Amino acid sequence: MKVLFIFMDGIGLGENNAETNPLARAKMPNLNAALDGRSLLKESAPFDGEYASLIAIDAGVGVDGLPQSATGQAMLLTGKNISAELGYHYGPKPNPEVAAYLNGETLFSKCVAAGKKTALLNAYPPRYFDGIDSGKRIYSSIPMAVTNAGLKLFKHEDLFAGRALSADFTGEGWRTMLGFPDAPVMDAHEAGKKLISLAMEYDFSLFEYWASDYAGHRQEMETAVRLMEGFDGVLGGIVESGKWDGELKDEGGMMKDELLVLVTSDHGNMEDLSTRKHTDARAPVLAIGSKSAREEFTRGMTDLTHVAPAIWRMVE
């Protein structure tokens, strides 16, 4: 089975409070349909439906302090309780101690060693690589794991050729913020369908969405609601393209048990805009696919360290 991992930075399962939680305020009909009318809230988990399951997992992993990005993402990619082994949470970017876990022990490295096809589906602009090459920027945990596995990060030419997606899903940011007026742009629904199309080319693929964490730290309710409503459009394209209601996509096409889509996070943040800090909220694990695949994937899953082993069970 193939796995598409959509990483949503800084999203926990929060209270049903539209004053502080954009996930309680945003209009997300595709998510609501997947969860039989429920929203991405603390009260909604656990849930198991026709084609989607939702559980809550511990991001703190028994370590004092608020979860942080570098250790959280590294745990999601390795299955190791890095925060416990180091005795602290750390972020946003990996320090040398965290970075040591991201060299040879990640899902990307395991896939490469096993001859599996794997990729990070984000396209990065030229100025990102300029920053890395100059030493003014360092990799966050996910691209560090990719490059340490000997894989290439996708560039602007990959975006233009349709081999990767922009960090905002649609490509609009490449036109309005990065100075690429001819960058390809699609709506959110189309981006979801494109994600599925790309994911079917790999055994394990990951897409990193970090804008949610930025909105949380900036306590921007309108931005956060807009981002989540945009993601709901992506989710609609994912569900439609996968036909997880049990139908075939077309004759000889993709069946519902060929791909599992995972959406999860590294820590809470955006679900509580009353604070700029991370939170101790549990992280959502939204799994979309056949019932048997979802049951196997979520079996025994209670914290961040269980995600990587579960992904590997599906793809090995």
C-alpha atoms as a PDB file:
ATOM      1  CA  MET A   1       0.000   0.000   0.000  1.00  0.00           C
ATOM      2  CA  LYS A   2       1.082   3.586  -0.681  1.00  0.00           C
ATOM      3  CA  VAL A   3       0.964   6.311   1.983  1.00  0.00           C
ATOM      4  CA  LEU A   4       0.561  10.056   1.477  1.00  0.00           C
ATOM      5  CA  PHE A   5       1.470  11.970   4.645  1.00  0.00           C
ATOM      6  CA  ILE A   6       0.101  15.527   4.766  1.00  0.00           C
ATOM      7  CA  PHE A   7       1.939  17.230   7.601  1.00  0.00           C
ATOM      8  CA  MET A   8       0.017  20.184   9.076  1.00  0.00           C
ATOM      9  CA  ASP A   9       2.356  22.186  11.287  1.00  0.00           C
ATOM     10  CA  GLY A  10       1.041  23.353  14.647  1.00  0.00           C
ATOM     11  CA  ILE A  11      -2.523  22.047  14.738  1.00  0.00           C
ATOM     12  CA  GLY A  12      -3.974  20.405  17.828  1.00  0.00           C
ATOM     13  CA  LEU A  13      -7.426  19.202  18.747  1.00  0.00           C
ATOM     14  CA  GLY A  14      -8.909  22.105  20.685  1.00  0.00           C
ATOM     15  CA  GLU A  15     -12.109  23.169  22.332  1.00  0.00           C
ATOM     16  CA  ASN A  16     -15.318  23.960  20.470  1.00  0.00           C
ATOM     17  CA  ASN A  17     -14.847  27.700  20.978  1.00  0.00           C
ATOM     18  CA  ALA A  18     -15.180  29.917  17.909  1.00  0.00           C
ATOM     19  CA  GLU A  19     -13.692  32.862  19.814  1.00  0.00           C
ATOM     20  CA  THR A  20     -10.265  31.240  20.067  1.00  0.00           C
ATOM     21  CA  ASN A  21     -10.285  28.197  17.775  1.00  0.00           C
ATOM     22  CA  PRO A  22     -10.412  28.794  14.007  1.00  0.00           C
ATOM     23  CA  LEU A  23     -11.194  25.094  13.540  1.00  0.00           C
ATOM     24  CA  ALA A  24     -14.477  25.725  15.365  1.00  0.00           C
ATOM     25  CA  ARG A  25     -15.220  28.745  13.179  1.00  0.00           C
ATOM     26  CA  ALA A  26     -14.066  27.708   9.697  1.00  0.00           C
ATOM     27  CA  LYS A  27     -16.573  26.329   7.196  1.00  0.00           C
ATOM     28  CA  MET A  28     -15.175  22.915   6.271  1.00  0.00           C
ATOM     29  CA  PRO A  29     -17.934  20.909   4.545  1.00  0.00           C
ATOM     30  CA  ASN A  30     -15.603  18.246   3.160  1.00  0.00           C
ATOM     31  CA  LEU A  31     -14.087  17.546   6.562  1.00  0.00           C
ATOM     32  CA  ASN A  32     -17.550  17.566   8.127  1.00  0.00           C
ATOM     33  CA  ALA A  33     -18.740  15.030   5.563  1.00  0.00           C
ATOM     34  CA  ALA A  34     -15.758  12.768   6.235  1.00  0.00           C
ATOM     35  CA  LEU A  35     -16.458  12.903   9.980  1.00  0.00           C
ATOM     36  CA  ASP A  36     -20.253  12.563   9.732  1.00  0.00           C
ATOM     37  CA  GLY A  37     -20.904  16.178  10.691  1.00  0.00           C
ATOM     38  CA  ARG A  38     -18.077  16.576  13.173  1.00  0.00           C
ATOM     39  CA  SER A  39     -15.278  19.153  13.041  1.00  0.00           C
ATOM     40  CA  LEU A  40     -11.571  18.863  13.795  1.00  0.00           C
ATOM     41  CA  LEU A  41     -12.071  19.325  17.529  1.00  0.00           C
ATOM     42  CA  LYS A  42     -11.144  17.598  20.767  1.00  0.00           C
ATOM     43  CA  GLU A  43     -14.709  16.341  21.205  1.00  0.00           C
ATOM     44  CA  SER A  44     -14.712  14.628  17.783  1.00  0.00           C
ATOM     45  CA  ALA A  45     -12.047  11.991  18.511  1.00  0.00           C
ATOM     46  CA  PRO A  46     -12.103   9.061  18.391  1.00  0.00           C
ATOM     47  CA  PHE A  47     -14.212   8.559  15.269  1.00  0.00           C
ATOM     48  CA  ASP A  48     -14.432   5.831  12.658  1.00  0.00           C
ATOM     49  CA  GLY A  49     -16.591   6.357   9.579  1.00  0.00           C
ATOM     50  CA  GLU A  50     -17.127   5.155   6.051  1.00  0.00           C
ATOM     51  CA  TYR A  51     -13.796   6.349   4.680  1.00  0.00           C
ATOM     52  CA  ALA A  52     -12.169   8.400   7.452  1.00  0.00           C
ATOM     53  CA  SER A  53     -10.971   7.859  11.012  1.00  0.00           C
ATOM     54  CA  LEU A  54      -9.892  10.442  13.583  1.00  0.00           C
ATOM     55  CA  ILE A  55      -7.895   9.772  16.722  1.00  0.00           C
ATOM     56  CA  ALA A  56      -6.005  12.030  19.132  1.00  0.00           C
ATOM     57  CA  ILE A  57      -2.348  11.364  19.975  1.00  0.00           C
ATOM     58  CA  ASP A  58      -0.017  12.761  22.613  1.00  0.00           C
ATOM     59  CA  ALA A  59       2.562  15.229  21.300  1.00  0.00           C
ATOM     60  CA  GLY A  60       4.233  15.705  24.681  1.00  0.00           C
ATOM     61  CA  VAL A  61       5.447  12.076  24.857  1.00  0.00           C
ATOM     62  CA  GLY A  62       5.909  12.231  28.630  1.00  0.00           C
ATOM     63  CA  VAL A  63       8.433  15.067  28.582  1.00  0.00           C
ATOM     64  CA  ASP A  64       7.950  18.273  30.571  1.00  0.00           C
ATOM     65  CA  GLY A  65       7.395  21.503  28.691  1.00  0.00           C
ATOM     66  CA  LEU A  66       5.504  22.339  25.527  1.00  0.00           C
ATOM     67  CA  PRO A  67       6.162  20.233  22.409  1.00  0.00           C
ATOM     68  CA  GLN A  68       8.358  21.843  19.759  1.00  0.00           C
ATOM     69  CA  SER A  69       8.738  21.495  16.001  1.00  0.00           C
ATOM     70  CA  ALA A  70      12.214  20.031  15.530  1.00  0.00           C
ATOM     71  CA  THR A  71      11.760  17.164  17.977  1.00  0.00           C
ATOM     72  CA  GLY A  72       8.102  16.632  17.073  1.00  0.00           C
ATOM     73  CA  GLN A  73       8.770  16.333  13.355  1.00  0.00           C
ATOM     74  CA  ALA A  74      11.822  14.164  13.967  1.00  0.00           C
ATOM     75  CA  MET A  75       9.736  11.788  16.091  1.00  0.00           C
ATOM     76  CA  LEU A  76       7.086  11.595  13.378  1.00  0.00           C
ATOM     77  CA  LEU A  77       9.788  10.574  10.888  1.00  0.00           C
ATOM     78  CA  THR A  78      11.740   8.135  13.064  1.00  0.00           C
ATOM     79  CA  GLY A  79       9.370   6.641  15.626  1.00  0.00           C
ATOM     80  CA  LYS A  80      11.955   7.328  18.322  1.00  0.00           C
ATOM     81  CA  ASN A  81      11.078   9.203  21.499  1.00  0.00           C
ATOM     82  CA  ILE A  82      13.730  11.804  20.837  1.00  0.00           C
ATOM     83  CA  SER A  83      12.418  14.282  23.393  1.00  0.00           C
ATOM     84  CA  ALA A  84      12.607  11.630  26.124  1.00  0.00           C
ATOM     85  CA  GLU A  85      16.081  10.490  25.072  1.00  0.00           C
ATOM     86  CA  LEU A  86      17.371  14.066  25.046  1.00  0.00           C
ATOM     87  CA  GLY A  87      15.315  15.135  28.061  1.00  0.00           C
ATOM     88  CA  TYR A  88      13.783  18.165  26.336  1.00  0.00           C
ATOM     89  CA  HIS A  89      11.647  19.386  23.447  1.00  0.00           C
ATOM     90  CA  TYR A  90      13.451  21.537  20.894  1.00  0.00           C
ATOM     91  CA  GLY A  91      12.631  23.774  17.956  1.00  0.00           C
ATOM     92  CA  PRO A  92      11.915  25.226  15.583  1.00  0.00           C
ATOM     93  CA  LYS A  93      14.986  23.997  13.637  1.00  0.00           C
ATOM     94  CA  PRO A  94      17.070  20.966  14.653  1.00  0.00           C
ATOM     95  CA  ASN A  95      20.089  21.463  16.873  1.00  0.00           C
ATOM     96  CA  PRO A  96      23.000  19.021  16.396  1.00  0.00           C
ATOM     97  CA  GLU A  97      21.508  16.557  18.889  1.00  0.00           C
ATOM     98  CA  VAL A  98      18.172  16.389  17.055  1.00  0.00           C
ATOM     99  CA  ALA A  99      19.871  16.435  13.651  1.00  0.00           C
ATOM    100  CA  ALA A 100      21.770  13.266  14.551  1.00  0.00           C
ATOM    101  CA  TYR A 101      18.468  11.354  14.568  1.00  0.00           C
ATOM    102  CA  LEU A 102      17.636  12.594  11.079  1.00  0.00           C
ATOM    103  CA  ASN A 103      20.569  10.918   9.394  1.00  0.00           C
ATOM    104  CA  GLY A 104      19.892   7.330   8.369  1.00  0.00           C
ATOM    105  CA  GLU A 105      16.984   6.563  10.707  1.00  0.00           C
ATOM    106  CA  THR A 106      14.024   8.249   9.030  1.00  0.00           C
ATOM    107  CA  LEU A 107      11.207   6.947   6.861  1.00  0.00           C
ATOM    108  CA  PHE A 108      12.923   8.510   3.852  1.00  0.00           C
ATOM    109  CA  SER A 109      16.180   6.678   4.574  1.00  0.00           C
ATOM    110  CA  LYS A 110      14.358   3.392   5.194  1.00  0.00           C
ATOM    111  CA  CYS A 111      12.498   3.718   1.902  1.00  0.00           C
ATOM    112  CA  VAL A 112      15.710   4.410  -0.008  1.00  0.00           C
ATOM    113  CA  ALA A 113      17.468   1.455   1.638  1.00  0.00           C
ATOM    114  CA  ALA A 114      14.544  -0.841   0.812  1.00  0.00           C
ATOM    115  CA  GLY A 115      14.316   0.286  -2.803  1.00  0.00           C
ATOM    116  CA  LYS A 116      11.018   2.077  -2.227  1.00  0.00           C
ATOM    117  CA  LYS A 117      10.118   5.216  -4.149  1.00  0.00           C
ATOM    118  CA  THR A 118       9.733   8.229  -1.883  1.00  0.00           C
ATOM    119  CA  ALA A 119       9.649  12.030  -2.077  1.00  0.00           C
ATOM    120  CA  LEU A 120       8.801  15.282  -0.355  1.00  0.00           C
ATOM    121  CA  LEU A 121       6.204  16.782  -2.695  1.00  0.00           C
ATOM    122  CA  ASN A 122       6.897  20.455  -1.899  1.00  0.00           C
ATOM    123  CA  ALA A 123       8.658  22.659  -4.436  1.00  0.00           C
ATOM    124  CA  TYR A 124      11.139  25.152  -2.998  1.00  0.00           C
ATOM    125  CA  PRO A 125      11.967  28.531  -4.602  1.00  0.00           C
ATOM    126  CA  PRO A 126      15.497  29.606  -5.601  1.00  0.00           C
ATOM    127  CA  ARG A 127      15.884  31.922  -2.617  1.00  0.00           C
ATOM    128  CA  TYR A 128      15.374  28.973  -0.250  1.00  0.00           C
ATOM    129  CA  PHE A 129      18.375  27.183  -1.732  1.00  0.00           C
ATOM    130  CA  ASP A 130      20.349  30.443  -1.768  1.00  0.00           C
ATOM    131  CA  GLY A 131      19.749  30.740   1.962  1.00  0.00           C
ATOM    132  CA  ILE A 132      20.848  27.165   2.593  1.00  0.00           C
ATOM    133  CA  ASP A 133      23.965  27.515   0.430  1.00  0.00           C
ATOM    134  CA  SER A 134      24.954  30.780   2.109  1.00  0.00           C
ATOM    135  CA  GLY A 135      24.501  29.391   5.607  1.00  0.00           C
ATOM    136  CA  LYS A 136      21.879  32.019   6.479  1.00  0.00           C
ATOM    137  CA  ARG A 137      19.177  29.352   6.601  1.00  0.00           C
ATOM    138  CA  ILE A 138      19.232  25.826   7.983  1.00  0.00           C
ATOM    139  CA  TYR A 139      16.974  22.949   7.118  1.00  0.00           C
ATOM    140  CA  SER A 140      13.990  22.179   9.286  1.00  0.00           C
ATOM    141  CA  SER A 141      13.553  18.533  10.279  1.00  0.00           C
ATOM    142  CA  ILE A 142      11.641  17.321   7.228  1.00  0.00           C
ATOM    143  CA  PRO A 143      13.876  18.654   4.411  1.00  0.00           C
ATOM    144  CA  MET A 144      16.905  17.681   6.498  1.00  0.00           C
ATOM    145  CA  ALA A 145      15.638  14.099   6.601  1.00  0.00           C
ATOM    146  CA  VAL A 146      15.034  14.157   2.850  1.00  0.00           C
ATOM    147  CA  THR A 147      18.482  15.452   1.917  1.00  0.00           C
ATOM    148  CA  ASN A 148      20.211  13.162   4.427  1.00  0.00           C
ATOM    149  CA  ALA A 149      18.533  10.230   2.670  1.00  0.00           C
ATOM    150  CA  GLY A 150      20.261  11.267  -0.551  1.00  0.00           C
ATOM    151  CA  LEU A 151      17.078  12.628  -2.104  1.00  0.00           C
ATOM    152  CA  LYS A 152      16.718  15.919  -3.956  1.00  0.00           C
ATOM    153  CA  LEU A 153      14.337  18.647  -2.876  1.00  0.00           C
ATOM    154  CA  PHE A 154      12.045  19.735  -5.686  1.00  0.00           C
ATOM    155  CA  LYS A 155      12.785  23.138  -7.249  1.00  0.00           C
ATOM    156  CA  HIS A 156      10.859  25.738  -9.221  1.00  0.00           C
ATOM    157  CA  GLU A 157      11.252  23.797 -12.455  1.00  0.00           C
ATOM    158  CA  ASP A 158       9.551  20.819 -10.801  1.00  0.00           C
ATOM    159  CA  LEU A 159       6.619  23.024  -9.840  1.00  0.00           C
ATOM    160  CA  PHE A 160       6.289  24.299 -13.391  1.00  0.00           C
ATOM    161  CA  ALA A 161       6.528  20.756 -14.773  1.00  0.00           C
ATOM    162  CA  GLY A 162       3.813  19.476 -12.435  1.00  0.00           C
ATOM    163  CA  ARG A 163       6.134  17.206 -10.437  1.00  0.00           C
ATOM    164  CA  ALA A 164       5.551  19.053  -7.155  1.00  0.00           C
ATOM    165  CA  LEU A 165       3.205  21.484  -5.419  1.00  0.00           C
ATOM    166  CA  SER A 166       3.798  24.831  -3.754  1.00  0.00           C
ATOM    167  CA  ALA A 167       3.685  25.108   0.034  1.00  0.00           C
ATOM    168  CA  ASP A 168       0.292  26.847  -0.147  1.00  0.00           C
ATOM    169  CA  PHE A 169      -1.141  23.999  -2.262  1.00  0.00           C
ATOM    170  CA  THR A 170      -2.435  26.289  -5.019  1.00  0.00           C
ATOM    171  CA  GLY A 171       0.702  28.107  -6.231  1.00  0.00           C
ATOM    172  CA  GLU A 172      -0.770  31.562  -5.695  1.00  0.00           C
ATOM    173  CA  GLY A 173       1.995  32.467  -3.259  1.00  0.00           C
ATOM    174  CA  TRP A 174       4.628  31.944  -5.938  1.00  0.00           C
ATOM    175  CA  ARG A 175       2.965  34.714  -7.943  1.00  0.00           C
ATOM    176  CA  THR A 176       2.110  37.156  -5.140  1.00  0.00           C
ATOM    177  CA  MET A 177       5.053  36.639  -2.770  1.00  0.00           C
ATOM    178  CA  LEU A 178       7.928  35.000  -4.636  1.00  0.00           C
ATOM    179  CA  GLY A 179       7.964  36.961  -7.882  1.00  0.00           C
ATOM    180  CA  PHE A 180       6.969  34.218 -10.331  1.00  0.00           C
ATOM    181  CA  PRO A 181       4.074  35.847 -12.268  1.00  0.00           C
ATOM    182  CA  ASP A 182       3.787  32.877 -14.611  1.00  0.00           C
ATOM    183  CA  ALA A 183       3.794  30.207 -11.886  1.00  0.00           C
ATOM    184  CA  PRO A 184       1.081  27.585 -12.411  1.00  0.00           C
ATOM    185  CA  VAL A 185      -1.964  28.195 -10.213  1.00  0.00           C
ATOM    186  CA  MET A 186      -4.826  25.835  -9.410  1.00  0.00           C
ATOM    187  CA  ASP A 187      -7.751  25.983  -7.030  1.00  0.00           C
ATOM    188  CA  ALA A 188      -7.714  24.022  -3.770  1.00  0.00           C
ATOM    189  CA  HIS A 189      -9.908  21.212  -5.082  1.00  0.00           C
ATOM    190  CA  GLU A 190      -7.627  20.695  -8.057  1.00  0.00           C
ATOM    191  CA  ALA A 191      -4.597  20.758  -5.739  1.00  0.00           C
ATOM    192  CA  GLY A 192      -6.099  17.893  -3.746  1.00  0.00           C
ATOM    193  CA  LYS A 193      -6.561  15.857  -6.895  1.00  0.00           C
ATOM    194  CA  LYS A 194      -2.998  16.696  -7.937  1.00  0.00           C
ATOM    195  CA  LEU A 195      -1.683  15.497  -4.574  1.00  0.00           C
ATOM    196  CA  ILE A 196      -3.335  12.125  -5.091  1.00  0.00           C
ATOM    197  CA  SER A 197      -1.968  11.886  -8.623  1.00  0.00           C
ATOM    198  CA  LEU A 198       1.568  12.580  -7.386  1.00  0.00           C
ATOM    199  CA  ALA A 199       1.230  10.277  -4.374  1.00  0.00           C
ATOM    200  CA  MET A 200       0.351   7.346  -6.622  1.00  0.00           C
ATOM    201  CA  GLU A 201       3.843   7.626  -8.141  1.00  0.00           C
ATOM    202  CA  TYR A 202       5.506   6.840  -4.792  1.00  0.00           C
ATOM    203  CA  ASP A 203       5.401   4.242  -2.047  1.00  0.00           C
ATOM    204  CA  PHE A 204       5.682   6.979   0.584  1.00  0.00           C
ATOM    205  CA  SER A 205       5.258  10.689  -0.044  1.00  0.00           C
ATOM    206  CA  LEU A 206       4.988  13.657   2.277  1.00  0.00           C
ATOM    207  CA  PHE A 207       3.636  17.162   1.825  1.00  0.00           C
ATOM    208  CA  GLU A 208       4.569  19.811   4.398  1.00  0.00           C
ATOM    209  CA  TYR A 209       2.122  22.617   5.194  1.00  0.00           C
ATOM    210  CA  TRP A 210       3.663  25.129   7.586  1.00  0.00           C
ATOM    211  CA  ALA A 211       1.392  28.175   7.156  1.00  0.00           C
ATOM    212  CA  SER A 212      -0.915  26.913   9.916  1.00  0.00           C
ATOM    213  CA  ASP A 213       1.857  27.272  12.511  1.00  0.00           C
ATOM    214  CA  TYR A 214       2.648  30.802  11.349  1.00  0.00           C
ATOM    215  CA  ALA A 215      -0.995  31.828  11.693  1.00  0.00           C
ATOM    216  CA  GLY A 216      -1.081  30.358  15.185  1.00  0.00           C
ATOM    217  CA  HIS A 217       1.991  32.202  16.397  1.00  0.00           C
ATOM    218  CA  ARG A 218       0.649  35.444  14.938  1.00  0.00           C
ATOM    219  CA  GLN A 219      -2.813  34.866  16.458  1.00  0.00           C
ATOM    220  CA  GLU A 220      -4.439  35.763  13.144  1.00  0.00           C
ATOM    221  CA  MET A 221      -7.995  34.428  13.247  1.00  0.00           C
ATOM    222  CA  GLU A 222      -9.043  35.540   9.756  1.00  0.00           C
ATOM    223  CA  THR A 223      -5.888  34.110   8.218  1.00  0.00           C
ATOM    224  CA  ALA A 224      -6.257  30.853  10.121  1.00  0.00           C
ATOM    225  CA  VAL A 225      -9.902  30.450   9.070  1.00  0.00           C
ATOM    226  CA  ARG A 226      -8.995  31.160   5.450  1.00  0.00           C
ATOM    227  CA  LEU A 227      -6.179  28.612   5.555  1.00  0.00           C
ATOM    228  CA  MET A 228      -8.385  25.915   7.017  1.00  0.00           C
ATOM    229  CA  GLU A 229     -11.175  26.579   4.542  1.00  0.00           C
ATOM    230  CA  GLY A 230      -8.595  26.327   1.776  1.00  0.00           C
ATOM    231  CA  PHE A 231      -7.349  23.029   3.158  1.00  0.00           C
ATOM    232  CA  ASP A 232     -10.929  21.794   3.194  1.00  0.00           C
ATOM    233  CA  GLY A 233     -11.040  22.388  -0.545  1.00  0.00           C
ATOM    234  CA  VAL A 234      -7.870  20.304  -0.888  1.00  0.00           C
ATOM    235  CA  LEU A 235      -9.502  17.586   1.182  1.00  0.00           C
ATOM    236  CA  GLY A 236     -12.484  17.604  -1.156  1.00  0.00           C
ATOM    237  CA  GLY A 237     -10.223  16.988  -4.128  1.00  0.00           C
ATOM    238  CA  ILE A 238      -8.460  14.192  -2.243  1.00  0.00           C
ATOM    239  CA  VAL A 239     -11.690  12.386  -1.409  1.00  0.00           C
ATOM    240  CA  GLU A 240     -13.133  12.798  -4.894  1.00  0.00           C
ATOM    241  CA  SER A 241      -9.969  11.623  -6.593  1.00  0.00           C
ATOM    242  CA  GLY A 242      -9.573   8.609  -4.335  1.00  0.00           C
ATOM    243  CA  LYS A 243     -13.202   7.453  -4.523  1.00  0.00           C
ATOM    244  CA  TRP A 244     -13.042   6.215  -0.942  1.00  0.00           C
ATOM    245  CA  ASP A 245     -16.755   5.476  -1.007  1.00  0.00           C
ATOM    246  CA  GLY A 246     -15.799   2.075  -2.381  1.00  0.00           C
ATOM    247  CA  GLU A 247     -16.024   2.765  -6.108  1.00  0.00           C
ATOM    248  CA  LEU A 248     -13.256   2.436  -8.634  1.00  0.00           C
ATOM    249  CA  LYS A 249     -11.857   5.677  -9.993  1.00  0.00           C
ATOM    250  CA  ASP A 250     -12.431   4.228 -13.437  1.00  0.00           C
ATOM    251  CA  GLU A 251     -12.117   0.863 -15.099  1.00  0.00           C
ATOM    252  CA  GLY A 252      -8.709  -0.470 -14.144  1.00  0.00           C
ATOM    253  CA  GLY A 253      -8.119   2.623 -12.044  1.00  0.00           C
ATOM    254  CA  MET A 254      -7.161   3.197  -8.435  1.00  0.00           C
ATOM    255  CA  MET A 255      -9.020   1.182  -5.835  1.00  0.00           C
ATOM    256  CA  LYS A 256      -9.713   2.490  -2.365  1.00  0.00           C
ATOM    257  CA  ASP A 257      -7.235   0.086  -0.744  1.00  0.00           C
ATOM    258  CA  GLU A 258      -4.225   1.196  -2.808  1.00  0.00           C
ATOM    259  CA  LEU A 259      -3.554   4.444  -0.906  1.00  0.00           C
ATOM    260  CA  LEU A 260      -3.834   5.664   2.659  1.00  0.00           C
ATOM    261  CA  VAL A 261      -3.864   9.424   3.288  1.00  0.00           C
ATOM    262  CA  LEU A 262      -2.633  10.608   6.683  1.00  0.00           C
ATOM    263  CA  VAL A 263      -3.049  14.112   8.111  1.00  0.00           C
ATOM    264  CA  THR A 264      -1.329  14.850  11.408  1.00  0.00           C
ATOM    265  CA  SER A 265       0.764  17.442  13.222  1.00  0.00           C
ATOM    266  CA  ASP A 266       3.738  17.856  15.538  1.00  0.00           C
ATOM    267  CA  HIS A 267       2.150  19.927  18.307  1.00  0.00           C
ATOM    268  CA  GLY A 268      -0.769  22.186  19.141  1.00  0.00           C
ATOM    269  CA  ASN A 269      -0.779  25.890  18.337  1.00  0.00           C
ATOM    270  CA  MET A 270      -3.352  27.227  15.888  1.00  0.00           C
ATOM    271  CA  GLU A 271      -6.311  25.647  17.678  1.00  0.00           C
ATOM    272  CA  ASP A 272      -5.910  28.176  20.523  1.00  0.00           C
ATOM    273  CA  LEU A 273      -5.317  31.730  19.345  1.00  0.00           C
ATOM    274  CA  SER A 274      -5.539  33.080  22.882  1.00  0.00           C
ATOM    275  CA  THR A 275      -1.800  32.392  23.099  1.00  0.00           C
ATOM    276  CA  ARG A 276       1.173  32.838  20.783  1.00  0.00           C
ATOM    277  CA  LYS A 277       2.833  29.758  22.235  1.00  0.00           C
ATOM    278  CA  HIS A 278       2.505  26.112  21.401  1.00  0.00           C
ATOM    279  CA  THR A 279      -0.048  24.182  23.423  1.00  0.00           C
ATOM    280  CA  ASP A 280      -0.218  20.776  25.073  1.00  0.00           C
ATOM    281  CA  ALA A 281      -3.240  19.787  22.983  1.00  0.00           C
ATOM    282  CA  ARG A 282      -3.259  16.333  21.486  1.00  0.00           C
ATOM    283  CA  ALA A 283      -2.462  16.146  17.788  1.00  0.00           C
ATOM    284  CA  PRO A 284      -5.095  14.880  15.358  1.00  0.00           C
ATOM    285  CA  VAL A 285      -4.502  11.807  13.245  1.00  0.00           C
ATOM    286  CA  LEU A 286      -6.944  11.885  10.344  1.00  0.00           C
ATOM    287  CA  ALA A 287      -6.664   8.739   8.234  1.00  0.00           C
ATOM    288  CA  ILE A 288      -8.508   8.401   4.909  1.00  0.00           C
ATOM    289  CA  GLY A 289      -8.717   5.084   3.112  1.00  0.00           C
ATOM    290  CA  SER A 290     -10.274   1.658   3.325  1.00  0.00           C
ATOM    291  CA  LYS A 291     -11.552   0.525   6.704  1.00  0.00           C
ATOM    292  CA  SER A 292      -9.022  -2.295   6.913  1.00  0.00           C
ATOM    293  CA  ALA A 293      -6.119   0.032   6.122  1.00  0.00           C
ATOM    294  CA  ARG A 294      -7.275   2.572   8.700  1.00  0.00           C
ATOM    295  CA  GLU A 295      -7.662  -0.078  11.374  1.00  0.00           C
ATOM    296  CA  GLU A 296      -4.186  -1.435  10.701  1.00  0.00           C
ATOM    297  CA  PHE A 297      -2.639   2.015  10.587  1.00  0.00           C
ATOM    298  CA  THR A 298      -4.133   3.350  13.839  1.00  0.00           C
ATOM    299  CA  ARG A 299      -3.709   0.097  15.811  1.00  0.00           C
ATOM    300  CA  GLY A 300      -2.046   0.894  19.132  1.00  0.00           C
ATOM    301  CA  MET A 301      -1.338   4.498  18.137  1.00  0.00           C
ATOM    302  CA  THR A 302      -1.261   6.838  21.136  1.00  0.00           C
ATOM    303  CA  ASP A 303       1.579   9.334  20.565  1.00  0.00           C
ATOM    304  CA  LEU A 304       3.866  10.827  17.927  1.00  0.00           C
ATOM    305  CA  THR A 305       6.362   7.973  18.114  1.00  0.00           C
ATOM    306  CA  HIS A 306       3.802   5.486  16.779  1.00  0.00           C
ATOM    307  CA  VAL A 307       3.235   7.239  13.446  1.00  0.00           C
ATOM    308  CA  ALA A 308       6.459   6.282  11.635  1.00  0.00           C
ATOM    309  CA  PRO A 309       6.236   2.560  12.534  1.00  0.00           C
ATOM    310  CA  ALA A 310       2.609   2.538  11.380  1.00  0.00           C
ATOM    311  CA  ILE A 311       3.531   4.126   8.052  1.00  0.00           C
ATOM    312  CA  TRP A 312       6.319   1.593   7.575  1.00  0.00           C
ATOM    313  CA  ARG A 313       3.918  -1.307   8.269  1.00  0.00           C
ATOM    314  CA  MET A 314       1.797  -0.061   5.394  1.00  0.00           C
ATOM    315  CA  VAL A 315       4.547   0.457   2.806  1.00  0.00           C
ATOM    316  CA  GLU A 316       7.157  -2.230   3.529  1.00  0.00           C
END
